Amino acid sequence: MILLKYDIEEKDLPLLKEVYQSVGWMKHDEHIIKKVFNASTHKVFGVQDHKIVGFCRALSDGVFNAAIYDVVVHKDYQGRGIARILLEDIITQLDDVSCIQLIATTGNDSYYEKIGFKKLKTGMAIYKNQQLAQEYLE
């Protein structure tokens, strides 16, 4: 059973780092993690076995647009429906927003399509990191 919580404490930062690293995201240190979650307008954390095993965050203006980032579940807890629970919760948090966008990691498009996301006709981005630009831009 997954429990949801909506705030983190300083003591949670190492757990979040462990979740990121379990899926190969090694550049997220505790300082960066604190910064991105503090800047996020919406967030949800999945707790199982008394530790954070997944999370999702979003940025929103509260009216027109929101963007979901970092739908991450610890590799040892994947395949249990946790990502879906986190996404459904954050989508509910964003009920008043007319457009919810999501940036997916390479190869995960079909998963998000099952939840109801569709590809954008006009989506564009500027990636300052060349490696990311090569991976995500056409």
N, C-alpha and C. Protein backbone atom coordinates (compact mmCIF):
# COMPACT_ATOMS: atom_id res chain seq x y z
N MET A 1 0.85 -1.19 0.00
CA MET A 1 0.00 0.00 0.00
C MET A 1 0.89 1.24 0.00
N ILE A 2 0.57 2.15 -0.87
CA ILE A 2 1.35 3.39 -0.99
C ILE A 2 0.62 4.51 -0.24
N LEU A 3 1.34 5.25 0.55
CA LEU A 3 0.81 6.43 1.23
C LEU A 3 1.32 7.65 0.50
N LEU A 4 0.52 8.69 0.43
CA LEU A 4 0.92 9.92 -0.24
C LEU A 4 1.19 11.01 0.79
N LYS A 5 2.25 11.78 0.54
CA LYS A 5 2.51 12.96 1.36
C LYS A 5 2.88 14.10 0.41
N TYR A 6 2.80 15.32 0.93
CA TYR A 6 2.89 16.48 0.04
C TYR A 6 4.00 17.45 0.41
N ASP A 7 4.70 17.18 1.47
CA ASP A 7 5.82 18.02 1.88
C ASP A 7 7.01 17.14 2.21
N ILE A 8 8.18 17.71 2.05
CA ILE A 8 9.39 16.99 2.44
C ILE A 8 10.14 17.81 3.48
N GLU A 9 10.95 17.09 4.22
CA GLU A 9 11.81 17.72 5.21
C GLU A 9 13.26 17.51 4.79
N GLU A 10 14.13 18.21 5.42
CA GLU A 10 15.57 18.09 5.13
C GLU A 10 16.03 16.64 5.20
N LYS A 11 15.51 15.90 6.15
CA LYS A 11 15.91 14.50 6.33
C LYS A 11 15.48 13.60 5.17
N ASP A 12 14.53 14.07 4.34
CA ASP A 12 14.06 13.29 3.21
C ASP A 12 14.97 13.41 1.98
N LEU A 13 15.82 14.41 1.94
CA LEU A 13 16.64 14.66 0.75
C LEU A 13 17.52 13.46 0.36
N PRO A 14 18.17 12.77 1.29
CA PRO A 14 18.95 11.59 0.90
C PRO A 14 18.08 10.49 0.28
N LEU A 15 16.84 10.35 0.76
CA LEU A 15 15.93 9.35 0.19
C LEU A 15 15.56 9.71 -1.25
N LEU A 16 15.31 10.99 -1.49
CA LEU A 16 14.98 11.44 -2.84
C LEU A 16 16.17 11.22 -3.78
N LYS A 17 17.36 11.52 -3.28
CA LYS A 17 18.57 11.29 -4.07
C LYS A 17 18.71 9.81 -4.41
N GLU A 18 18.42 8.94 -3.46
CA GLU A 18 18.51 7.50 -3.70
C GLU A 18 17.52 7.06 -4.79
N VAL A 19 16.31 7.63 -4.79
CA VAL A 19 15.32 7.29 -5.82
C VAL A 19 15.83 7.74 -7.18
N TYR A 20 16.29 8.98 -7.29
CA TYR A 20 16.86 9.46 -8.55
C TYR A 20 17.99 8.55 -9.03
N GLN A 21 18.92 8.24 -8.14
CA GLN A 21 20.09 7.45 -8.54
C GLN A 21 19.71 6.03 -8.93
N SER A 22 18.65 5.50 -8.35
CA SER A 22 18.24 4.13 -8.68
C SER A 22 17.82 4.00 -10.14
N VAL A 23 17.41 5.13 -10.76
CA VAL A 23 17.02 5.10 -12.17
C VAL A 23 18.07 5.74 -13.06
N GLY A 24 19.25 5.98 -12.51
CA GLY A 24 20.37 6.47 -13.30
C GLY A 24 20.51 7.97 -13.40
N TRP A 25 19.75 8.72 -12.64
CA TRP A 25 19.87 10.18 -12.66
C TRP A 25 20.89 10.59 -11.59
N MET A 26 22.14 10.62 -11.98
CA MET A 26 23.23 10.79 -11.02
C MET A 26 23.59 12.25 -10.72
N LYS A 27 23.10 13.19 -11.50
CA LYS A 27 23.47 14.60 -11.31
C LYS A 27 22.64 15.31 -10.25
N HIS A 28 21.64 14.64 -9.73
CA HIS A 28 20.76 15.25 -8.73
C HIS A 28 21.35 15.07 -7.33
N ASP A 29 22.07 16.11 -6.87
CA ASP A 29 22.56 16.05 -5.49
C ASP A 29 21.49 16.68 -4.58
N GLU A 30 21.71 16.64 -3.28
CA GLU A 30 20.70 17.10 -2.34
C GLU A 30 20.40 18.59 -2.49
N HIS A 31 21.39 19.39 -2.83
CA HIS A 31 21.17 20.83 -3.05
C HIS A 31 20.23 21.06 -4.23
N ILE A 32 20.48 20.38 -5.34
CA ILE A 32 19.64 20.52 -6.53
C ILE A 32 18.23 20.01 -6.24
N ILE A 33 18.13 18.87 -5.57
CA ILE A 33 16.83 18.29 -5.25
C ILE A 33 16.00 19.27 -4.42
N LYS A 34 16.61 19.85 -3.42
CA LYS A 34 15.91 20.83 -2.58
C LYS A 34 15.46 22.02 -3.41
N LYS A 35 16.31 22.48 -4.29
CA LYS A 35 16.00 23.64 -5.13
C LYS A 35 14.82 23.36 -6.07
N VAL A 36 14.83 22.22 -6.76
CA VAL A 36 13.75 21.95 -7.73
C VAL A 36 12.42 21.70 -7.03
N PHE A 37 12.44 21.03 -5.89
CA PHE A 37 11.17 20.81 -5.19
C PHE A 37 10.65 22.07 -4.53
N ASN A 38 11.53 22.92 -4.03
CA ASN A 38 11.08 24.20 -3.47
C ASN A 38 10.48 25.09 -4.55
N ALA A 39 10.97 25.00 -5.77
CA ALA A 39 10.47 25.82 -6.87
C ALA A 39 9.20 25.24 -7.50
N SER A 40 8.90 24.01 -7.23
CA SER A 40 7.72 23.36 -7.81
C SER A 40 6.45 23.82 -7.10
N THR A 41 5.41 24.08 -7.88
CA THR A 41 4.15 24.53 -7.29
C THR A 41 3.31 23.37 -6.76
N HIS A 42 3.50 22.19 -7.33
CA HIS A 42 2.74 21.01 -6.94
C HIS A 42 3.69 19.83 -6.82
N LYS A 43 3.47 19.01 -5.83
CA LYS A 43 4.33 17.83 -5.65
C LYS A 43 3.58 16.77 -4.87
N VAL A 44 3.98 15.53 -5.08
CA VAL A 44 3.44 14.41 -4.32
C VAL A 44 4.54 13.38 -4.17
N PHE A 45 4.59 12.77 -3.00
CA PHE A 45 5.61 11.78 -2.68
C PHE A 45 4.91 10.49 -2.26
N GLY A 46 5.37 9.38 -2.84
CA GLY A 46 4.83 8.08 -2.48
C GLY A 46 5.69 7.43 -1.42
N VAL A 47 5.07 6.99 -0.34
CA VAL A 47 5.79 6.39 0.78
C VAL A 47 5.34 4.93 0.94
N GLN A 48 6.30 4.05 1.00
CA GLN A 48 6.04 2.64 1.26
C GLN A 48 7.17 2.12 2.14
N ASP A 49 6.85 1.22 3.02
CA ASP A 49 7.86 0.67 3.93
C ASP A 49 8.58 1.79 4.69
N HIS A 50 7.85 2.86 5.04
CA HIS A 50 8.35 3.99 5.82
C HIS A 50 9.44 4.79 5.11
N LYS A 51 9.49 4.71 3.77
CA LYS A 51 10.46 5.55 3.05
C LYS A 51 9.86 6.01 1.73
N ILE A 52 10.37 7.12 1.24
CA ILE A 52 9.90 7.65 -0.03
C ILE A 52 10.43 6.76 -1.14
N VAL A 53 9.49 6.25 -1.97
CA VAL A 53 9.87 5.35 -3.06
C VAL A 53 9.56 5.93 -4.43
N GLY A 54 8.90 7.09 -4.45
CA GLY A 54 8.59 7.73 -5.73
C GLY A 54 8.06 9.12 -5.50
N PHE A 55 8.03 9.90 -6.58
CA PHE A 55 7.54 11.27 -6.48
C PHE A 55 7.23 11.81 -7.86
N CYS A 56 6.53 12.93 -7.84
CA CYS A 56 6.16 13.63 -9.06
C CYS A 56 6.04 15.10 -8.68
N ARG A 57 6.43 15.98 -9.61
CA ARG A 57 6.32 17.41 -9.32
C ARG A 57 5.85 18.15 -10.56
N ALA A 58 5.31 19.35 -10.36
CA ALA A 58 4.81 20.15 -11.47
C ALA A 58 5.03 21.63 -11.18
N LEU A 59 5.05 22.40 -12.25
CA LEU A 59 5.07 23.85 -12.19
C LEU A 59 3.81 24.35 -12.88
N SER A 60 3.15 25.34 -12.28
CA SER A 60 1.90 25.81 -12.86
C SER A 60 1.64 27.27 -12.53
N ASP A 61 0.90 27.95 -13.45
CA ASP A 61 0.42 29.29 -13.16
C ASP A 61 -0.93 29.24 -12.45
N GLY A 62 -1.49 28.05 -12.29
CA GLY A 62 -2.74 27.87 -11.56
C GLY A 62 -4.00 28.13 -12.36
N VAL A 63 -3.87 28.56 -13.61
CA VAL A 63 -5.04 28.87 -14.43
C VAL A 63 -4.95 28.19 -15.80
N PHE A 64 -3.93 28.55 -16.56
CA PHE A 64 -3.86 28.10 -17.95
C PHE A 64 -2.95 26.90 -18.17
N ASN A 65 -1.76 26.91 -17.58
CA ASN A 65 -0.77 25.91 -17.93
C ASN A 65 -0.09 25.28 -16.72
N ALA A 66 0.29 24.04 -16.92
CA ALA A 66 1.10 23.32 -15.94
C ALA A 66 2.01 22.38 -16.72
N ALA A 67 3.16 22.09 -16.15
CA ALA A 67 4.09 21.14 -16.73
C ALA A 67 4.53 20.17 -15.65
N ILE A 68 4.38 18.89 -15.94
CA ILE A 68 4.77 17.84 -14.99
C ILE A 68 6.18 17.39 -15.31
N TYR A 69 6.97 17.27 -14.27
CA TYR A 69 8.36 16.82 -14.39
C TYR A 69 8.63 15.72 -13.35
N ASP A 70 9.65 14.97 -13.60
CA ASP A 70 10.20 14.04 -12.60
C ASP A 70 9.16 13.08 -12.03
N VAL A 71 8.56 12.30 -12.89
CA VAL A 71 7.75 11.18 -12.43
C VAL A 71 8.75 10.04 -12.24
N VAL A 72 9.17 9.82 -11.00
CA VAL A 72 10.26 8.89 -10.73
C VAL A 72 9.85 7.92 -9.62
N VAL A 73 10.03 6.63 -9.89
CA VAL A 73 9.79 5.60 -8.89
C VAL A 73 11.07 4.78 -8.76
N HIS A 74 11.48 4.53 -7.54
CA HIS A 74 12.68 3.72 -7.28
C HIS A 74 12.59 2.43 -8.08
N LYS A 75 13.70 2.04 -8.68
CA LYS A 75 13.69 0.86 -9.56
C LYS A 75 13.20 -0.39 -8.86
N ASP A 76 13.42 -0.51 -7.56
CA ASP A 76 12.97 -1.69 -6.82
C ASP A 76 11.46 -1.70 -6.58
N TYR A 77 10.78 -0.58 -6.84
CA TYR A 77 9.35 -0.47 -6.60
C TYR A 77 8.55 -0.27 -7.89
N GLN A 78 9.21 -0.31 -9.03
CA GLN A 78 8.51 -0.12 -10.30
C GLN A 78 7.65 -1.32 -10.63
N GLY A 79 6.65 -1.08 -11.47
CA GLY A 79 5.74 -2.15 -11.87
C GLY A 79 4.63 -2.44 -10.88
N ARG A 80 4.45 -1.57 -9.90
CA ARG A 80 3.43 -1.77 -8.87
C ARG A 80 2.31 -0.74 -8.96
N GLY A 81 2.31 0.09 -10.00
CA GLY A 81 1.27 1.10 -10.16
C GLY A 81 1.52 2.39 -9.40
N ILE A 82 2.70 2.54 -8.83
CA ILE A 82 3.00 3.73 -8.03
C ILE A 82 3.04 4.99 -8.91
N ALA A 83 3.68 4.92 -10.06
CA ALA A 83 3.75 6.09 -10.94
C ALA A 83 2.36 6.56 -11.34
N ARG A 84 1.48 5.62 -11.64
CA ARG A 84 0.09 5.98 -12.00
C ARG A 84 -0.61 6.68 -10.84
N ILE A 85 -0.44 6.18 -9.63
CA ILE A 85 -1.06 6.80 -8.45
C ILE A 85 -0.54 8.23 -8.28
N LEU A 86 0.78 8.41 -8.41
CA LEU A 86 1.38 9.74 -8.27
C LEU A 86 0.87 10.69 -9.35
N LEU A 87 0.83 10.20 -10.61
CA LEU A 87 0.35 11.04 -11.71
C LEU A 87 -1.11 11.41 -11.55
N GLU A 88 -1.94 10.44 -11.18
CA GLU A 88 -3.37 10.73 -10.99
C GLU A 88 -3.57 11.76 -9.89
N ASP A 89 -2.75 11.69 -8.84
CA ASP A 89 -2.86 12.65 -7.75
C ASP A 89 -2.46 14.05 -8.22
N ILE A 90 -1.36 14.14 -8.95
CA ILE A 90 -0.91 15.48 -9.37
C ILE A 90 -1.85 16.06 -10.42
N ILE A 91 -2.42 15.22 -11.26
CA ILE A 91 -3.42 15.70 -12.23
C ILE A 91 -4.64 16.23 -11.50
N THR A 92 -5.05 15.55 -10.44
CA THR A 92 -6.16 16.04 -9.62
C THR A 92 -5.80 17.37 -8.97
N GLN A 93 -4.58 17.51 -8.48
CA GLN A 93 -4.14 18.78 -7.90
C GLN A 93 -4.24 19.91 -8.93
N LEU A 94 -4.10 19.56 -10.21
CA LEU A 94 -4.10 20.55 -11.30
C LEU A 94 -5.46 20.66 -11.98
N ASP A 95 -6.53 20.26 -11.31
CA ASP A 95 -7.87 20.24 -11.90
C ASP A 95 -8.30 21.58 -12.51
N ASP A 96 -7.90 22.69 -11.93
CA ASP A 96 -8.34 24.00 -12.40
C ASP A 96 -7.53 24.53 -13.58
N VAL A 97 -6.52 23.79 -14.01
CA VAL A 97 -5.62 24.24 -15.08
C VAL A 97 -6.13 23.67 -16.41
N SER A 98 -6.15 24.52 -17.45
CA SER A 98 -6.72 24.07 -18.72
C SER A 98 -5.79 23.19 -19.56
N CYS A 99 -4.47 23.29 -19.38
CA CYS A 99 -3.53 22.50 -20.17
C CYS A 99 -2.43 21.96 -19.26
N ILE A 100 -2.29 20.65 -19.24
CA ILE A 100 -1.23 20.01 -18.47
C ILE A 100 -0.28 19.34 -19.45
N GLN A 101 0.96 19.79 -19.45
CA GLN A 101 1.98 19.20 -20.32
C GLN A 101 2.88 18.30 -19.48
N LEU A 102 3.56 17.40 -20.15
CA LEU A 102 4.46 16.49 -19.45
C LEU A 102 5.69 16.27 -20.33
N ILE A 103 6.85 16.34 -19.72
CA ILE A 103 8.09 16.03 -20.40
C ILE A 103 8.47 14.61 -20.00
N ALA A 104 8.45 13.69 -20.98
CA ALA A 104 8.76 12.29 -20.71
C ALA A 104 10.21 11.99 -21.04
N THR A 105 10.79 11.05 -20.33
CA THR A 105 12.11 10.58 -20.69
C THR A 105 11.99 9.67 -21.90
N THR A 106 13.07 9.56 -22.63
CA THR A 106 13.08 8.77 -23.86
C THR A 106 12.58 7.35 -23.61
N GLY A 107 11.66 6.93 -24.47
CA GLY A 107 11.14 5.57 -24.41
C GLY A 107 9.92 5.38 -23.53
N ASN A 108 9.45 6.43 -22.88
CA ASN A 108 8.30 6.29 -21.98
C ASN A 108 7.02 6.89 -22.52
N ASP A 109 7.03 7.35 -23.77
CA ASP A 109 5.84 7.99 -24.35
C ASP A 109 4.60 7.11 -24.25
N SER A 110 4.73 5.83 -24.59
CA SER A 110 3.56 4.95 -24.63
C SER A 110 2.94 4.79 -23.24
N TYR A 111 3.75 4.81 -22.20
CA TYR A 111 3.22 4.71 -20.84
C TYR A 111 2.29 5.90 -20.56
N TYR A 112 2.75 7.10 -20.89
CA TYR A 112 1.96 8.30 -20.61
C TYR A 112 0.73 8.39 -21.51
N GLU A 113 0.82 7.85 -22.71
CA GLU A 113 -0.34 7.83 -23.59
C GLU A 113 -1.46 6.98 -22.98
N LYS A 114 -1.11 5.89 -22.30
CA LYS A 114 -2.11 5.04 -21.64
C LYS A 114 -2.86 5.80 -20.55
N ILE A 115 -2.20 6.79 -19.97
CA ILE A 115 -2.81 7.57 -18.89
C ILE A 115 -3.65 8.72 -19.46
N GLY A 116 -3.48 9.00 -20.75
CA GLY A 116 -4.30 10.03 -21.39
C GLY A 116 -3.54 11.18 -22.01
N PHE A 117 -2.22 11.22 -21.88
CA PHE A 117 -1.44 12.28 -22.51
C PHE A 117 -1.34 12.03 -24.01
N LYS A 118 -1.32 13.11 -24.77
CA LYS A 118 -1.19 13.02 -26.21
C LYS A 118 -0.04 13.90 -26.68
N LYS A 119 0.56 13.54 -27.80
CA LYS A 119 1.68 14.33 -28.33
C LYS A 119 1.18 15.70 -28.77
N LEU A 120 2.01 16.70 -28.58
CA LEU A 120 1.70 18.07 -28.98
C LEU A 120 2.03 18.29 -30.46
N LYS A 121 1.21 19.06 -31.13
CA LYS A 121 1.52 19.44 -32.51
C LYS A 121 2.53 20.58 -32.55
N THR A 122 2.52 21.41 -31.52
CA THR A 122 3.33 22.62 -31.55
C THR A 122 4.36 22.70 -30.44
N GLY A 123 4.62 21.61 -29.75
CA GLY A 123 5.58 21.63 -28.66
C GLY A 123 6.99 21.90 -29.16
N MET A 124 7.70 22.77 -28.49
CA MET A 124 9.06 23.12 -28.84
C MET A 124 9.88 23.30 -27.57
N ALA A 125 11.19 23.23 -27.72
CA ALA A 125 12.06 23.41 -26.57
C ALA A 125 13.43 23.92 -27.01
N ILE A 126 14.12 24.53 -26.09
CA ILE A 126 15.52 24.88 -26.25
C ILE A 126 16.26 24.12 -25.16
N TYR A 127 17.18 23.27 -25.54
CA TYR A 127 18.02 22.57 -24.56
C TYR A 127 19.41 23.18 -24.62
N LYS A 128 19.87 23.68 -23.51
CA LYS A 128 21.21 24.26 -23.44
C LYS A 128 22.28 23.19 -23.32
N ASN A 129 21.90 22.03 -22.82
CA ASN A 129 22.80 20.89 -22.72
C ASN A 129 22.75 20.12 -24.04
N GLN A 130 23.87 20.03 -24.74
CA GLN A 130 23.89 19.41 -26.06
C GLN A 130 23.51 17.93 -26.05
N GLN A 131 23.89 17.23 -25.01
CA GLN A 131 23.53 15.81 -24.92
C GLN A 131 22.01 15.65 -24.84
N LEU A 132 21.37 16.48 -24.04
CA LEU A 132 19.91 16.44 -23.94
C LEU A 132 19.27 16.89 -25.24
N ALA A 133 19.84 17.88 -25.89
CA ALA A 133 19.31 18.35 -27.17
C ALA A 133 19.32 17.21 -28.20
N GLN A 134 20.39 16.45 -28.25
CA GLN A 134 20.47 15.34 -29.19
C GLN A 134 19.45 14.27 -28.87
N GLU A 135 19.19 14.06 -27.59
CA GLU A 135 18.25 13.00 -27.19
C GLU A 135 16.80 13.40 -27.43
N TYR A 136 16.46 14.67 -27.18
CA TYR A 136 15.06 15.06 -27.16
C TYR A 136 14.56 15.91 -28.33
N LEU A 137 15.45 16.52 -29.08
CA LEU A 137 14.99 17.37 -30.17
C LEU A 137 15.07 16.64 -31.50
N GLU A 138 14.16 17.00 -32.39
CA GLU A 138 14.14 16.40 -33.73
C GLU A 138 15.21 16.99 -34.60
